C-alpha atoms as a PDB file:
ATOM      1  CA  MET A   1       0.058   0.295  -0.573  1.00  0.00           C
ATOM      2  CA  ALA A   2       1.538   3.571  -0.743  1.00  0.00           C
ATOM      3  CA  ASP A   3       1.566   6.233   1.647  1.00  0.00           C
ATOM      4  CA  ASP A   4      -0.766   8.392   1.647  1.00  0.00           C
ATOM      5  CA  LEU A   5       1.378  12.386   0.394  1.00  0.00           C
ATOM      6  CA  LYS A   6      -1.946  14.464   1.188  1.00  0.00           C
ATOM      7  CA  ASN A   7      -1.821  13.390   5.261  1.00  0.00           C
ATOM      8  CA  ARG A   8       1.072  15.447   7.109  1.00  0.00           C
ATOM      9  CA  GLY A   9       0.760  14.539  10.388  1.00  0.00           C
ATOM     10  CA  PRO A  10       2.032  11.487  12.142  1.00  0.00           C
ATOM     11  CA  LYS A  11      -0.039   8.757  12.027  1.00  0.00           C
ATOM     12  CA  ASP A  12      -0.656   7.977  15.588  1.00  0.00           C
ATOM     13  CA  ARG A  13      -1.426  11.801  16.653  1.00  0.00           C
ATOM     14  CA  ASP A  14      -2.099  10.908  20.845  1.00  0.00           C
ATOM     15  CA  ARG A  15       1.295   9.987  20.647  1.00  0.00           C
ATOM     16  CA  VAL A  16       4.779  11.991  20.291  1.00  0.00           C
ATOM     17  CA  ASN A  17       7.201   9.852  18.080  1.00  0.00           C
ATOM     18  CA  THR A  18      10.587  11.148  19.131  1.00  0.00           C
ATOM     19  CA  SER A  19      12.225   8.284  16.877  1.00  0.00           C
ATOM     20  CA  GLU A  20      11.736   9.418  13.178  1.00  0.00           C
ATOM     21  CA  ASP A  21      13.129  12.600  12.078  1.00  0.00           C
ATOM     22  CA  TRP A  22      10.210  13.812  10.709  1.00  0.00           C
ATOM     23  CA  GLU A  23       8.245  13.294  13.553  1.00  0.00           C
ATOM     24  CA  LEU A  24      10.275  14.789  15.869  1.00  0.00           C
ATOM     25  CA  LYS A  25      10.242  18.041  13.405  1.00  0.00           C
ATOM     26  CA  TYR A  26       6.556  18.522  13.488  1.00  0.00           C
ATOM     27  CA  TRP A  27       6.553  17.693  17.100  1.00  0.00           C
ATOM     28  CA  SER A  28       8.847  20.905  18.070  1.00  0.00           C
ATOM     29  CA  THR A  29       7.362  22.811  15.488  1.00  0.00           C
ATOM     30  CA  LYS A  30       3.520  21.922  16.757  1.00  0.00           C
ATOM     31  CA  PHE A  31       4.733  23.023  20.518  1.00  0.00           C
ATOM     32  CA  GLY A  32       7.198  25.494  19.437  1.00  0.00           C
ATOM     33  CA  VAL A  33      10.383  24.289  21.025  1.00  0.00           C
ATOM     34  CA  THR A  34      13.685  23.036  20.445  1.00  0.00           C
ATOM     35  CA  ALA A  35      14.475  18.397  19.709  1.00  0.00           C
ATOM     36  CA  ASP A  36      16.755  18.422  22.666  1.00  0.00           C
ATOM     37  CA  GLN A  37      12.996  19.912  24.519  1.00  0.00           C
ATOM     38  CA  LEU A  38      11.081  17.617  23.396  1.00  0.00           C
ATOM     39  CA  LYS A  39      13.161  15.156  23.809  1.00  0.00           C
ATOM     40  CA  ALA A  40      13.651  15.719  27.439  1.00  0.00           C
ATOM     41  CA  ALA A  41       9.899  16.430  28.163  1.00  0.00           C
ATOM     42  CA  VAL A  42       9.036  13.084  26.248  1.00  0.00           C
ATOM     43  CA  LYS A  43      11.290  11.443  28.225  1.00  0.00           C
ATOM     44  CA  ALA A  44      10.174  12.710  31.411  1.00  0.00           C
ATOM     45  CA  VAL A  45       6.918  12.132  30.927  1.00  0.00           C
ATOM     46  CA  GLY A  46       6.184   9.035  28.378  1.00  0.00           C
ATOM     47  CA  PRO A  47       4.903   9.667  24.354  1.00  0.00           C
ATOM     48  CA  MET A  48       0.750  11.047  24.897  1.00  0.00           C
ATOM     49  CA  VAL A  49       0.701  14.623  24.055  1.00  0.00           C
ATOM     50  CA  THR A  50      -1.865  15.098  26.806  1.00  0.00           C
ATOM     51  CA  ASP A  51       1.625  14.161  28.826  1.00  0.00           C
ATOM     52  CA  VAL A  52       4.001  16.241  26.689  1.00  0.00           C
ATOM     53  CA  ARG A  53       1.802  19.220  26.009  1.00  0.00           C
ATOM     54  CA  LYS A  54       1.274  20.024  30.664  1.00  0.00           C
ATOM     55  CA  LYS A  55       5.808  19.285  30.396  1.00  0.00           C
ATOM     56  CA  LEU A  56       6.174  22.211  28.292  1.00  0.00           C
ATOM     57  CA  GLY A  57       3.614  24.257  29.359  1.00  0.00           C
ATOM     58  CA  LYS A  58       1.388  24.812  26.189  1.00  0.00           C
END
């Protein structure tokens, strides 16, 4: 099955994936933080978007 190039967001919008460069860039931009800040937040609270958003104060 081919990738849908029109779908630019992450496949699982409830989890932050920092192991894929394009998702790291997506989430960093979305939260307005650096990649290192995002990785630290995910390491501290886990990959759930709601938890990462709270940790980053967004």
